PDB file of all heavy atoms in Angstrom:
ATOM      1  N   VAL A   1      14.874  28.174 -19.349  1.00  0.00           N
ATOM      2  CA  VAL A   1      15.748  28.076 -20.598  1.00  0.00           C
ATOM      3  C   VAL A   1      14.874  27.238 -21.645  1.00  0.00           C
ATOM      4  O   VAL A   1      15.211  26.028 -21.788  1.00  0.00           O
ATOM      5  CB  VAL A   1      17.090  27.518 -20.376  1.00  0.00           C
ATOM      6  CG1 VAL A   1      17.934  27.517 -21.558  1.00  0.00           C
ATOM      7  CG2 VAL A   1      17.715  28.100 -19.218  1.00  0.00           C
ATOM      8  N   PRO A   2      13.845  27.852 -22.274  1.00  0.00           N
ATOM      9  CA  PRO A   2      13.040  27.108 -23.196  1.00  0.00           C
ATOM     10  C   PRO A   2      13.874  26.351 -24.369  1.00  0.00           C
ATOM     11  O   PRO A   2      13.447  25.375 -24.903  1.00  0.00           O
ATOM     12  CB  PRO A   2      12.156  28.125 -23.789  1.00  0.00           C
ATOM     13  CG  PRO A   2      12.085  29.205 -22.874  1.00  0.00           C
ATOM     14  CD  PRO A   2      13.455  29.295 -22.175  1.00  0.00           C
ATOM     15  N   ASP A   3      15.027  26.990 -24.604  1.00  0.00           N
ATOM     16  CA  ASP A   3      15.848  26.396 -25.745  1.00  0.00           C
ATOM     17  C   ASP A   3      16.682  25.236 -25.294  1.00  0.00           C
ATOM     18  O   ASP A   3      17.394  24.449 -26.095  1.00  0.00           O
ATOM     19  CB  ASP A   3      16.845  27.418 -26.427  1.00  0.00           C
ATOM     20  CG  ASP A   3      16.031  28.521 -27.095  1.00  0.00           C
ATOM     21  OD1 ASP A   3      14.856  28.292 -27.433  1.00  0.00           O
ATOM     22  OD2 ASP A   3      16.645  29.638 -27.180  1.00  0.00           O
ATOM     23  N   ALA A   4      16.724  24.917 -23.928  1.00  0.00           N
ATOM     24  CA  ALA A   4      17.422  23.779 -23.522  1.00  0.00           C
ATOM     25  C   ALA A   4      16.995  22.437 -24.088  1.00  0.00           C
ATOM     26  O   ALA A   4      15.712  22.216 -24.229  1.00  0.00           O
ATOM     27  CB  ALA A   4      17.532  23.719 -21.982  1.00  0.00           C
ATOM     28  N   GLU A   5      17.969  21.661 -24.292  1.00  0.00           N
ATOM     29  CA  GLU A   5      17.632  20.240 -24.962  1.00  0.00           C
ATOM     30  C   GLU A   5      17.732  19.232 -23.878  1.00  0.00           C
ATOM     31  O   GLU A   5      18.716  19.148 -23.165  1.00  0.00           O
ATOM     32  CB  GLU A   5      18.592  19.999 -26.088  1.00  0.00           C
ATOM     33  CG  GLU A   5      18.475  18.702 -26.701  1.00  0.00           C
ATOM     34  CD  GLU A   5      19.644  18.476 -27.663  1.00  0.00           C
ATOM     35  OE1 GLU A   5      20.238  19.338 -28.193  1.00  0.00           O
ATOM     36  OE2 GLU A   5      19.751  17.173 -27.995  1.00  0.00           O
ATOM     37  N   GLU A   6      16.664  18.394 -23.660  1.00  0.00           N
ATOM     38  CA  GLU A   6      16.657  17.306 -22.743  1.00  0.00           C
ATOM     39  C   GLU A   6      17.547  16.219 -23.281  1.00  0.00           C
ATOM     40  O   GLU A   6      17.663  15.908 -24.416  1.00  0.00           O
ATOM     41  CB  GLU A   6      15.248  16.765 -22.578  1.00  0.00           C
ATOM     42  CG  GLU A   6      14.218  17.698 -21.877  1.00  0.00           C
ATOM     43  CD  GLU A   6      12.931  17.045 -21.572  1.00  0.00           C
ATOM     44  OE1 GLU A   6      12.552  15.992 -22.097  1.00  0.00           O
ATOM     45  OE2 GLU A   6      12.267  17.763 -20.799  1.00  0.00           O
ATOM     46  N   SER A   7      18.359  15.607 -22.241  1.00  0.00           N
ATOM     47  CA  SER A   7      19.237  14.490 -22.659  1.00  0.00           C
ATOM     48  C   SER A   7      19.423  13.668 -21.418  1.00  0.00           C
ATOM     49  O   SER A   7      18.874  13.835 -20.392  1.00  0.00           O
ATOM     50  CB  SER A   7      20.557  15.104 -23.142  1.00  0.00           C
ATOM     51  OG  SER A   7      21.120  15.781 -22.081  1.00  0.00           O
ATOM     52  N   ILE A   8      20.120  12.642 -21.552  1.00  0.00           N
ATOM     53  CA  ILE A   8      20.524  11.788 -20.437  1.00  0.00           C
ATOM     54  C   ILE A   8      22.126  11.881 -20.333  1.00  0.00           C
ATOM     55  O   ILE A   8      22.809  11.742 -21.350  1.00  0.00           O
ATOM     56  CB  ILE A   8      20.206  10.341 -20.634  1.00  0.00           C
ATOM     57  CG1 ILE A   8      18.666  10.274 -20.671  1.00  0.00           C
ATOM     58  CG2 ILE A   8      20.824   9.408 -19.476  1.00  0.00           C
ATOM     59  CD1 ILE A   8      17.979  10.427 -19.191  1.00  0.00           C
ATOM     60  N   SER A   9      22.770  12.209 -19.241  1.00  0.00           N
ATOM     61  CA  SER A   9      24.125  12.316 -18.975  1.00  0.00           C
ATOM     62  C   SER A   9      24.460  11.480 -17.746  1.00  0.00           C
ATOM     63  O   SER A   9      23.895  11.628 -16.697  1.00  0.00           O
ATOM     64  CB  SER A   9      24.449  13.743 -18.772  1.00  0.00           C
ATOM     65  OG  SER A   9      25.927  13.963 -18.618  1.00  0.00           O
ATOM     66  N   TYR A  10      25.353  10.436 -18.028  1.00  0.00           N
ATOM     67  CA  TYR A  10      25.791   9.502 -16.924  1.00  0.00           C
ATOM     68  C   TYR A  10      24.607   8.828 -16.277  1.00  0.00           C
ATOM     69  O   TYR A  10      24.459   8.651 -15.156  1.00  0.00           O
ATOM     70  CB  TYR A  10      26.581  10.298 -15.839  1.00  0.00           C
ATOM     71  CG  TYR A  10      27.929  10.832 -16.287  1.00  0.00           C
ATOM     72  CD1 TYR A  10      27.989  12.117 -16.722  1.00  0.00           C
ATOM     73  CD2 TYR A  10      29.003  10.029 -16.584  1.00  0.00           C
ATOM     74  CE1 TYR A  10      29.246  12.604 -17.229  1.00  0.00           C
ATOM     75  CE2 TYR A  10      30.148  10.443 -16.995  1.00  0.00           C
ATOM     76  CZ  TYR A  10      30.283  11.853 -17.418  1.00  0.00           C
ATOM     77  OH  TYR A  10      31.490  12.314 -17.897  1.00  0.00           O
ATOM     78  N   GLY A  11      23.593   8.563 -17.052  1.00  0.00           N
ATOM     79  CA  GLY A  11      22.376   7.892 -16.672  1.00  0.00           C
ATOM     80  C   GLY A  11      21.374   8.695 -15.947  1.00  0.00           C
ATOM     81  O   GLY A  11      20.362   8.266 -15.428  1.00  0.00           O
ATOM     82  N   MET A  12      21.534  10.003 -15.929  1.00  0.00           N
ATOM     83  CA  MET A  12      20.693  10.951 -15.334  1.00  0.00           C
ATOM     84  C   MET A  12      20.018  11.959 -16.250  1.00  0.00           C
ATOM     85  O   MET A  12      20.612  12.371 -17.256  1.00  0.00           O
ATOM     86  CB  MET A  12      21.480  11.869 -14.306  1.00  0.00           C
ATOM     87  CG  MET A  12      22.162  11.103 -13.181  1.00  0.00           C
ATOM     88  SD  MET A  12      23.095  12.091 -12.067  1.00  0.00           S
ATOM     89  CE  MET A  12      24.335  12.861 -13.189  1.00  0.00           C
ATOM     90  N   PRO A  13      18.728  12.416 -15.964  1.00  0.00           N
ATOM     91  CA  PRO A  13      18.161  13.393 -16.718  1.00  0.00           C
ATOM     92  C   PRO A  13      19.027  14.621 -16.776  1.00  0.00           C
ATOM     93  O   PRO A  13      19.389  15.099 -15.672  1.00  0.00           O
ATOM     94  CB  PRO A  13      16.837  13.586 -16.069  1.00  0.00           C
ATOM     95  CG  PRO A  13      16.530  12.398 -15.315  1.00  0.00           C
ATOM     96  CD  PRO A  13      17.806  11.962 -14.866  1.00  0.00           C
ATOM     97  N   ALA A  14      19.167  15.187 -17.866  1.00  0.00           N
ATOM     98  CA  ALA A  14      20.011  16.428 -18.047  1.00  0.00           C
ATOM     99  C   ALA A  14      19.460  17.257 -19.036  1.00  0.00           C
ATOM    100  O   ALA A  14      18.649  17.021 -19.838  1.00  0.00           O
ATOM    101  CB  ALA A  14      21.390  15.912 -18.234  1.00  0.00           C
ATOM    102  N   PHE A  15      20.020  18.476 -19.033  1.00  0.00           N
ATOM    103  CA  PHE A  15      19.729  19.529 -20.166  1.00  0.00           C
ATOM    104  C   PHE A  15      21.010  20.006 -20.693  1.00  0.00           C
ATOM    105  O   PHE A  15      22.014  20.182 -19.935  1.00  0.00           O
ATOM    106  CB  PHE A  15      18.960  20.661 -19.557  1.00  0.00           C
ATOM    107  CG  PHE A  15      17.513  20.291 -19.299  1.00  0.00           C
ATOM    108  CD1 PHE A  15      17.165  19.722 -18.073  1.00  0.00           C
ATOM    109  CD2 PHE A  15      16.592  20.558 -20.202  1.00  0.00           C
ATOM    110  CE1 PHE A  15      15.755  19.539 -17.728  1.00  0.00           C
ATOM    111  CE2 PHE A  15      15.136  20.271 -19.847  1.00  0.00           C
ATOM    112  CZ  PHE A  15      14.941  19.714 -18.691  1.00  0.00           C
ATOM    113  N   LYS A  16      21.033  20.224 -22.009  1.00  0.00           N
ATOM    114  CA  LYS A  16      22.123  20.856 -22.694  1.00  0.00           C
ATOM    115  C   LYS A  16      21.594  22.180 -23.207  1.00  0.00           C
ATOM    116  O   LYS A  16      20.490  22.333 -23.523  1.00  0.00           O
ATOM    117  CB  LYS A  16      22.517  19.989 -23.777  1.00  0.00           C
ATOM    118  CG  LYS A  16      23.276  18.721 -23.503  1.00  0.00           C
ATOM    119  CD  LYS A  16      23.692  17.833 -24.650  1.00  0.00           C
ATOM    120  CE  LYS A  16      24.298  16.606 -24.138  1.00  0.00           C
ATOM    121  NZ  LYS A  16      24.828  15.825 -25.381  1.00  0.00           N
ATOM    122  N   TYR A  17      22.574  23.093 -23.285  1.00  0.00           N
ATOM    123  CA  TYR A  17      22.227  24.422 -23.826  1.00  0.00           C
ATOM    124  C   TYR A  17      23.411  24.731 -24.824  1.00  0.00           C
ATOM    125  O   TYR A  17      24.522  24.698 -24.484  1.00  0.00           O
ATOM    126  CB  TYR A  17      22.163  25.457 -22.758  1.00  0.00           C
ATOM    127  CG  TYR A  17      21.904  26.887 -23.288  1.00  0.00           C
ATOM    128  CD1 TYR A  17      20.710  27.194 -23.802  1.00  0.00           C
ATOM    129  CD2 TYR A  17      22.867  27.827 -23.163  1.00  0.00           C
ATOM    130  CE1 TYR A  17      20.468  28.529 -24.166  1.00  0.00           C
ATOM    131  CE2 TYR A  17      22.616  29.174 -23.689  1.00  0.00           C
ATOM    132  CZ  TYR A  17      21.410  29.432 -24.245  1.00  0.00           C
ATOM    133  OH  TYR A  17      21.148  30.694 -24.698  1.00  0.00           O
ATOM    134  N   LYS A  18      23.001  25.066 -26.074  1.00  0.00           N
ATOM    135  CA  LYS A  18      23.962  25.233 -27.200  1.00  0.00           C
ATOM    136  C   LYS A  18      24.963  24.090 -27.229  1.00  0.00           C
ATOM    137  O   LYS A  18      26.152  24.257 -27.422  1.00  0.00           O
ATOM    138  CB  LYS A  18      24.717  26.567 -26.924  1.00  0.00           C
ATOM    139  CG  LYS A  18      23.834  27.785 -26.933  1.00  0.00           C
ATOM    140  CD  LYS A  18      24.562  29.031 -27.021  1.00  0.00           C
ATOM    141  CE  LYS A  18      23.621  30.212 -27.283  1.00  0.00           C
ATOM    142  NZ  LYS A  18      24.312  31.532 -27.272  1.00  0.00           N
ATOM    143  N   LYS A  19      24.484  22.976 -27.009  1.00  0.00           N
ATOM    144  CA  LYS A  19      25.186  21.604 -27.124  1.00  0.00           C
ATOM    145  C   LYS A  19      26.158  21.462 -25.977  1.00  0.00           C
ATOM    146  O   LYS A  19      26.987  20.361 -26.036  1.00  0.00           O
ATOM    147  CB  LYS A  19      25.823  21.452 -28.506  1.00  0.00           C
ATOM    148  CG  LYS A  19      24.791  21.523 -29.652  1.00  0.00           C
ATOM    149  CD  LYS A  19      25.474  21.046 -30.906  1.00  0.00           C
ATOM    150  CE  LYS A  19      24.620  21.273 -32.113  1.00  0.00           C
ATOM    151  NZ  LYS A  19      23.454  20.333 -32.234  1.00  0.00           N
ATOM    152  N   LYS A  20      26.051  22.207 -24.994  1.00  0.00           N
ATOM    153  CA  LYS A  20      26.948  22.020 -23.761  1.00  0.00           C
ATOM    154  C   LYS A  20      26.133  21.609 -22.511  1.00  0.00           C
ATOM    155  O   LYS A  20      24.952  22.117 -22.351  1.00  0.00           O
ATOM    156  CB  LYS A  20      27.787  23.351 -23.554  1.00  0.00           C
ATOM    157  CG  LYS A  20      28.676  23.615 -24.705  1.00  0.00           C
ATOM    158  CD  LYS A  20      29.525  24.742 -24.385  1.00  0.00           C
ATOM    159  CE  LYS A  20      30.516  25.010 -25.518  1.00  0.00           C
ATOM    160  NZ  LYS A  20      31.365  26.055 -25.260  1.00  0.00           N
ATOM    161  N   TYR A  21      26.672  20.861 -21.616  1.00  0.00           N
ATOM    162  CA  TYR A  21      25.971  20.569 -20.396  1.00  0.00           C
ATOM    163  C   TYR A  21      25.675  21.767 -19.623  1.00  0.00           C
ATOM    164  O   TYR A  21      26.314  22.601 -19.390  1.00  0.00           O
ATOM    165  CB  TYR A  21      27.050  19.715 -19.581  1.00  0.00           C
ATOM    166  CG  TYR A  21      26.513  19.270 -18.308  1.00  0.00           C
ATOM    167  CD1 TYR A  21      25.733  18.093 -18.095  1.00  0.00           C
ATOM    168  CD2 TYR A  21      26.807  20.045 -17.154  1.00  0.00           C
ATOM    169  CE1 TYR A  21      25.182  17.740 -16.810  1.00  0.00           C
ATOM    170  CE2 TYR A  21      26.270  19.713 -15.853  1.00  0.00           C
ATOM    171  CZ  TYR A  21      25.543  18.522 -15.805  1.00  0.00           C
ATOM    172  OH  TYR A  21      25.049  18.164 -14.509  1.00  0.00           O
ATOM    173  N   LEU A  22      24.339  21.685 -19.338  1.00  0.00           N
ATOM    174  CA  LEU A  22      23.671  22.816 -18.536  1.00  0.00           C
ATOM    175  C   LEU A  22      23.530  22.373 -17.060  1.00  0.00           C
ATOM    176  O   LEU A  22      24.235  22.977 -16.132  1.00  0.00           O
ATOM    177  CB  LEU A  22      22.263  23.209 -19.070  1.00  0.00           C
ATOM    178  CG  LEU A  22      21.631  24.296 -18.498  1.00  0.00           C
ATOM    179  CD1 LEU A  22      22.298  25.648 -18.439  1.00  0.00           C
ATOM    180  CD2 LEU A  22      20.202  24.424 -19.022  1.00  0.00           C
ATOM    181  N   VAL A  23      22.675  21.357 -16.878  1.00  0.00           N
ATOM    182  CA  VAL A  23      22.427  20.877 -15.499  1.00  0.00           C
ATOM    183  C   VAL A  23      21.773  19.503 -15.563  1.00  0.00           C
ATOM    184  O   VAL A  23      21.096  19.127 -16.506  1.00  0.00           O
ATOM    185  CB  VAL A  23      21.489  21.878 -14.732  1.00  0.00           C
ATOM    186  CG1 VAL A  23      20.149  21.911 -15.417  1.00  0.00           C
ATOM    187  CG2 VAL A  23      21.438  21.594 -13.348  1.00  0.00           C
ATOM    188  N   ALA A  24      21.926  18.703 -14.535  1.00  0.00           N
ATOM    189  CA  ALA A  24      21.160  17.305 -14.462  1.00  0.00           C
ATOM    190  C   ALA A  24      20.542  17.265 -13.080  1.00  0.00           C
ATOM    191  O   ALA A  24      20.835  18.017 -12.198  1.00  0.00           O
ATOM    192  CB  ALA A  24      22.316  16.277 -14.651  1.00  0.00           C
ATOM    193  N   PHE A  25      19.729  16.280 -12.979  1.00  0.00           N
ATOM    194  CA  PHE A  25      19.085  16.046 -11.650  1.00  0.00           C
ATOM    195  C   PHE A  25      18.777  14.514 -11.620  1.00  0.00           C
ATOM    196  O   PHE A  25      18.794  13.728 -12.703  1.00  0.00           O
ATOM    197  CB  PHE A  25      17.809  16.756 -11.471  1.00  0.00           C
ATOM    198  CG  PHE A  25      16.764  16.557 -12.605  1.00  0.00           C
ATOM    199  CD1 PHE A  25      15.722  15.640 -12.482  1.00  0.00           C
ATOM    200  CD2 PHE A  25      16.691  17.355 -13.741  1.00  0.00           C
ATOM    201  CE1 PHE A  25      14.714  15.296 -13.468  1.00  0.00           C
ATOM    202  CE2 PHE A  25      15.671  17.251 -14.718  1.00  0.00           C
ATOM    203  CZ  PHE A  25      14.880  16.105 -14.718  1.00  0.00           C
ATOM    204  N   CYS A  26      18.577  14.093 -10.437  1.00  0.00           N
ATOM    205  CA  CYS A  26      18.486  12.530 -10.215  1.00  0.00           C
ATOM    206  C   CYS A  26      18.029  12.215  -8.863  1.00  0.00           C
ATOM    207  O   CYS A  26      18.050  13.129  -7.936  1.00  0.00           O
ATOM    208  CB  CYS A  26      19.835  11.973 -10.395  1.00  0.00           C
ATOM    209  SG  CYS A  26      19.846  10.151 -10.461  1.00  0.00           S
ATOM    210  N   GLU A  27      17.371  11.120  -8.657  1.00  0.00           N
ATOM    211  CA  GLU A  27      16.806  10.689  -7.410  1.00  0.00           C
ATOM    212  C   GLU A  27      17.649   9.588  -6.853  1.00  0.00           C
ATOM    213  O   GLU A  27      18.312   8.757  -7.723  1.00  0.00           O
ATOM    214  CB  GLU A  27      15.478  10.227  -7.510  1.00  0.00           C
ATOM    215  CG  GLU A  27      15.091   9.134  -8.474  1.00  0.00           C
ATOM    216  CD  GLU A  27      15.229   7.730  -7.867  1.00  0.00           C
ATOM    217  OE1 GLU A  27      15.009   7.586  -6.676  1.00  0.00           O
ATOM    218  OE2 GLU A  27      15.449   6.807  -8.680  1.00  0.00           O
ATOM    219  N   PHE A  28      17.917   9.542  -5.549  1.00  0.00           N
ATOM    220  CA  PHE A  28      18.641   8.435  -4.815  1.00  0.00           C
ATOM    221  C   PHE A  28      17.846   7.969  -3.700  1.00  0.00           C
ATOM    222  O   PHE A  28      16.701   8.463  -3.550  1.00  0.00           O
ATOM    223  CB  PHE A  28      19.937   9.093  -4.320  1.00  0.00           C
ATOM    224  CG  PHE A  28      20.881   9.456  -5.485  1.00  0.00           C
ATOM    225  CD1 PHE A  28      20.889  10.812  -5.877  1.00  0.00           C
ATOM    226  CD2 PHE A  28      21.801   8.607  -5.999  1.00  0.00           C
ATOM    227  CE1 PHE A  28      21.767  11.280  -6.944  1.00  0.00           C
ATOM    228  CE2 PHE A  28      22.556   9.045  -7.041  1.00  0.00           C
ATOM    229  CZ  PHE A  28      22.611  10.392  -7.553  1.00  0.00           C
TER     230      PHE A  28
END
């Protein structure tokens, strides 16, 4: 999804698509 925007959500790396939450990832 090249148009996805990188962000941080709840302290985790995340992506938004069309300004909506797409997916996040994190390490534990």
